[in-house]
Amino acid sequence: MSIKVNDTVKVLTGEDKGKTGKVLKTLRKEQKVVVEGVNIAKRHTKPRTQNDQGGIFDIEMPIHISNVKLVDSKASKDVKKAEPKKEAKKADSKKESPKKEAKKTTKKASK
């Protein structure tokens, strides 16, 4: 996984699309990450001891790493992956190929 704890990521899909946050935890086996302030769920808890308080708490749930993109925190821009550019084939495309001269057809003399 290229995403690590304390990296800044941007959510690409889902309910929280467009939000950015810091990675709090990575789950390598499931290929998921927990992002601060993203994918919030309500957790209902009972008090376990007399001093403990129960209630409804908001917790961050993990999201799949394919749904987040690493963001450069200094420039606050998306990090682009370097991909090789494909060269356009000039001769194969009809739009780009030069028009060929029409072949002259000669009529054969009929016997």
Protein backbone atom coordinates (compact mmCIF):
# COMPACT_ATOMS: atom_id res chain seq x y z
CA MET A 1 0.00 0.00 0.00
CA SER A 2 1.33 3.41 -0.92
CA ILE A 3 -0.89 5.21 1.60
CA LYS A 4 0.50 5.41 5.13
CA VAL A 5 -0.60 6.82 8.49
CA ASN A 6 -0.59 10.67 8.67
CA ASP A 7 -0.84 11.04 4.87
CA THR A 8 -3.42 13.47 3.54
CA VAL A 9 -5.94 11.86 1.18
CA LYS A 10 -8.96 12.96 -0.85
CA VAL A 11 -12.09 10.81 -1.13
CA LEU A 12 -13.00 10.01 -4.75
CA THR A 13 -16.34 8.20 -4.41
CA GLY A 14 -19.23 7.74 -2.05
CA GLU A 15 -21.20 9.95 0.29
CA ASP A 16 -18.10 11.90 1.37
CA LYS A 17 -16.80 12.53 -2.17
CA GLY A 18 -14.43 15.50 -2.35
CA LYS A 19 -13.56 15.59 1.36
CA THR A 20 -9.94 15.53 2.45
CA GLY A 21 -8.54 14.23 5.70
CA LYS A 22 -5.61 12.65 7.48
CA VAL A 23 -5.20 8.86 7.57
CA LEU A 24 -5.59 7.66 11.16
CA LYS A 25 -5.18 3.91 10.63
CA THR A 26 -4.40 1.46 7.83
CA LEU A 27 -5.80 -2.06 7.60
CA ARG A 28 -3.42 -3.88 5.26
CA LYS A 29 -5.18 -7.25 5.02
CA GLU A 30 -8.53 -5.69 4.12
CA GLN A 31 -6.85 -2.92 2.04
CA LYS A 32 -8.79 -0.23 3.89
CA VAL A 33 -7.92 3.03 5.63
CA VAL A 34 -9.60 5.08 8.34
CA VAL A 35 -9.69 8.77 7.42
CA GLU A 36 -10.33 11.57 9.90
CA GLY A 37 -13.84 13.05 9.50
CA VAL A 38 -14.87 10.69 6.67
CA ASN A 39 -17.42 7.83 6.64
CA ILE A 40 -18.90 8.69 10.05
CA ALA A 41 -21.20 6.13 11.72
CA LYS A 42 -23.22 6.27 14.94
CA ARG A 43 -22.20 3.85 17.69
CA HIS A 44 -24.69 3.14 20.50
CA THR A 45 -22.92 2.01 23.67
CA LYS A 46 -24.07 0.91 27.10
CA PRO A 47 -22.21 1.95 30.24
CA ARG A 48 -19.93 -0.98 31.20
CA THR A 49 -19.08 0.27 34.71
CA GLN A 50 -20.73 2.66 37.14
CA ASN A 51 -18.26 5.43 36.28
CA ASP A 52 -18.55 4.84 32.53
CA GLN A 53 -21.06 6.82 30.49
CA GLY A 54 -23.03 5.28 27.66
CA GLY A 55 -24.53 7.11 24.75
CA ILE A 56 -24.36 7.65 21.02
CA PHE A 57 -20.89 8.35 19.62
CA ASP A 58 -19.67 9.23 16.13
CA ILE A 59 -16.85 6.99 14.87
CA GLU A 60 -14.92 6.86 11.61
CA MET A 61 -15.39 3.66 9.65
CA PRO A 62 -12.78 2.28 7.22
CA ILE A 63 -13.05 2.83 3.47
CA HIS A 64 -11.30 0.97 0.66
CA ILE A 65 -8.00 2.41 -0.57
CA SER A 66 -9.26 2.47 -4.16
CA ASN A 67 -11.74 5.16 -3.11
CA VAL A 68 -9.07 7.58 -1.88
CA LYS A 69 -6.27 9.47 -3.60
CA LEU A 70 -3.06 10.72 -2.06
CA VAL A 71 -2.82 14.53 -1.87
CA ASP A 72 0.37 16.56 -1.58
CA SER A 73 -0.07 18.40 1.71
CA LYS A 74 2.44 21.16 0.89
CA ALA A 75 0.91 22.22 -2.41
CA SER A 76 -2.58 20.84 -1.61
CA LYS A 77 -2.75 19.31 -5.07
CA ASP A 78 -3.55 15.75 -6.12
CA VAL A 79 -0.55 13.55 -6.73
CA LYS A 80 -0.63 12.30 -10.30
CA LYS A 81 0.78 8.95 -11.20
CA ALA A 82 3.24 9.00 -14.06
CA GLU A 83 1.87 7.09 -17.02
CA PRO A 84 3.57 6.69 -20.38
CA LYS A 85 1.92 8.70 -23.12
CA LYS A 86 0.62 6.79 -26.09
CA GLU A 87 1.64 8.11 -29.46
CA ALA A 88 -1.10 8.56 -32.01
CA LYS A 89 -0.78 6.42 -35.08
CA LYS A 90 -0.86 8.73 -38.05
CA ALA A 91 -1.33 6.26 -40.87
CA ASP A 92 -4.06 4.14 -39.26
CA SER A 93 -6.50 6.86 -38.37
CA LYS A 94 -8.81 8.11 -41.10
CA LYS A 95 -8.99 11.60 -39.64
CA GLU A 96 -5.24 12.07 -39.45
CA SER A 97 -4.15 10.23 -42.59
CA PRO A 98 -3.60 12.26 -45.75
CA LYS A 99 -6.14 11.74 -48.47
CA LYS A 100 -4.96 9.23 -50.97
CA GLU A 101 -5.32 9.98 -54.60
CA ALA A 102 -8.11 8.08 -56.25
CA LYS A 103 -6.87 5.33 -58.47
CA LYS A 104 -7.70 5.74 -62.10
CA THR A 105 -9.69 2.88 -63.43
CA THR A 106 -9.61 2.05 -67.07
CA LYS A 107 -12.41 0.37 -68.85
CA LYS A 108 -11.52 -2.81 -70.58
CA ALA A 109 -12.61 -3.15 -74.11
CA SER A 110 -15.42 -5.63 -74.33
CA LYS A 111 -15.18 -8.27 -77.05
